């Protein structure tokens, strides 16, 4: 079952900021951040190391693994949300993840 959801303003703004640091246009930055988020979510749920998805504007389409589908179904039943909305919330949690400026260098690290 393919789930479809829209990424929110917070996600798009974080992707744009992340993309600006890498001289990427908005579309590429959003797509890359969606991939990062879905990959982390899928990896946590199923151990997957690759994901297939499509992004058109702000709309994301993803067919979750069986394990992720089961997790989303359980969370949807608990919350009363639909599975796509639960996945959208998980993806939104990763909006600010993978930022290099958040990384703390250990004091004994060699100079950059």
Protein backbone atom coordinates (compact mmCIF):
# COMPACT_ATOMS: atom_id res chain seq x y z
CA UNK A 1 0.00 0.00 0.00
CA UNK A 2 1.47 3.34 -1.03
CA UNK A 3 1.12 6.11 1.52
CA UNK A 4 0.85 9.72 0.40
CA UNK A 5 1.36 12.76 2.59
CA UNK A 6 2.47 16.36 2.35
CA UNK A 7 5.53 17.71 4.13
CA UNK A 8 4.86 20.79 6.21
CA UNK A 9 6.36 24.26 6.28
CA UNK A 10 8.80 23.33 9.06
CA UNK A 11 10.21 20.48 6.99
CA UNK A 12 10.50 22.57 3.83
CA UNK A 13 12.18 25.45 5.69
CA UNK A 14 14.68 23.06 7.30
CA UNK A 15 15.37 21.43 3.93
CA UNK A 16 15.88 24.83 2.28
CA UNK A 17 18.32 25.90 5.02
CA UNK A 18 20.16 22.58 4.74
CA UNK A 19 20.21 22.89 0.94
CA UNK A 20 21.45 26.48 1.02
CA UNK A 21 24.53 25.30 2.90
CA UNK A 22 25.17 22.86 0.04
CA UNK A 23 24.19 25.16 -2.84
CA UNK A 24 21.21 22.94 -3.70
CA UNK A 25 17.94 24.15 -5.11
CA UNK A 26 14.80 23.76 -3.04
CA UNK A 27 13.43 20.71 -4.87
CA UNK A 28 16.66 18.75 -4.57
CA UNK A 29 17.05 19.68 -0.91
CA UNK A 30 13.49 18.61 -0.05
CA UNK A 31 13.92 15.34 -1.94
CA UNK A 32 17.21 14.58 -0.20
CA UNK A 33 15.81 15.39 3.25
CA UNK A 34 12.75 13.21 2.55
CA UNK A 35 15.06 10.38 1.55
CA UNK A 36 17.13 10.79 4.71
CA UNK A 37 14.05 10.79 6.92
CA UNK A 38 12.39 7.81 5.23
CA UNK A 39 15.63 5.87 5.29
CA UNK A 40 16.06 6.44 9.02
CA UNK A 41 12.45 5.49 9.73
CA UNK A 42 12.60 2.39 7.54
CA UNK A 43 15.95 1.37 9.00
CA UNK A 44 14.62 1.63 12.54
CA UNK A 45 11.51 -0.37 11.67
CA UNK A 46 12.90 -2.97 9.29
CA UNK A 47 16.66 -2.62 8.97
CA UNK A 48 16.29 -1.37 5.39
CA UNK A 49 19.24 0.42 3.83
CA UNK A 50 17.40 1.71 0.74
CA UNK A 51 14.00 3.31 0.19
CA UNK A 52 11.88 4.01 -2.84
CA UNK A 53 9.75 7.13 -2.84
CA UNK A 54 8.56 9.95 -5.03
CA UNK A 55 8.32 13.65 -4.28
CA UNK A 56 6.20 16.06 -6.32
CA UNK A 57 6.24 19.52 -4.83
CA UNK A 58 5.38 18.88 -1.20
CA UNK A 59 3.67 15.54 -1.79
CA UNK A 60 5.57 12.39 -0.86
CA UNK A 61 4.61 8.87 -1.92
CA UNK A 62 6.20 5.88 -0.20
CA UNK A 63 5.37 2.21 -0.02
CA UNK A 64 6.48 1.15 3.46
CA UNK A 65 8.11 -2.17 4.19
CA UNK A 66 5.93 -4.79 5.86
CA UNK A 67 7.53 -4.02 9.23
CA UNK A 68 6.99 -0.28 8.92
CA UNK A 69 3.45 -0.85 7.70
CA UNK A 70 2.72 -2.89 10.83
CA UNK A 71 4.25 -0.22 13.06
CA UNK A 72 2.28 2.56 11.37
CA UNK A 73 -0.95 0.53 11.60
CA UNK A 74 -0.44 0.02 15.33
CA UNK A 75 0.33 3.70 15.90
CA UNK A 76 -2.62 4.75 13.76
CA UNK A 77 -4.92 2.53 15.83
CA UNK A 78 -3.55 4.04 19.05
CA UNK A 79 -3.87 7.65 17.93
CA UNK A 80 -6.90 7.60 15.67
CA UNK A 81 -4.83 9.09 12.85
CA UNK A 82 -4.45 7.48 9.49
CA UNK A 83 -1.19 5.71 8.63
CA UNK A 84 -0.09 8.38 6.16
CA UNK A 85 -0.50 11.06 8.84
CA UNK A 86 1.54 9.01 11.30
CA UNK A 87 4.31 8.62 8.72
CA UNK A 88 4.17 12.36 7.99
CA UNK A 89 4.69 13.07 11.70
CA UNK A 90 7.69 10.74 11.80
CA UNK A 91 9.18 12.39 8.71
CA UNK A 92 8.63 15.84 10.24
CA UNK A 93 10.62 14.80 13.31
CA UNK A 94 13.65 14.50 11.03
CA UNK A 95 13.26 18.00 9.58
CA UNK A 96 16.26 19.33 11.48
CA UNK A 97 18.30 16.14 11.51
CA UNK A 98 21.59 15.59 9.72
CA UNK A 99 22.83 19.14 10.19
CA UNK A 100 26.58 19.36 10.27
CA UNK A 101 26.55 22.47 12.46
CA UNK A 102 24.85 20.43 15.20
CA UNK A 103 27.75 18.01 15.35
CA UNK A 104 30.11 18.50 18.25
CA UNK A 105 33.75 17.82 17.52
CA UNK A 106 35.57 16.00 20.26
CA UNK A 107 38.29 18.07 21.91
CA UNK A 108 40.99 15.68 20.71
CA UNK A 109 39.89 15.78 17.04
CA UNK A 110 42.49 16.95 14.53
CA UNK A 111 41.97 20.41 13.01
CA UNK A 112 39.72 20.62 9.96
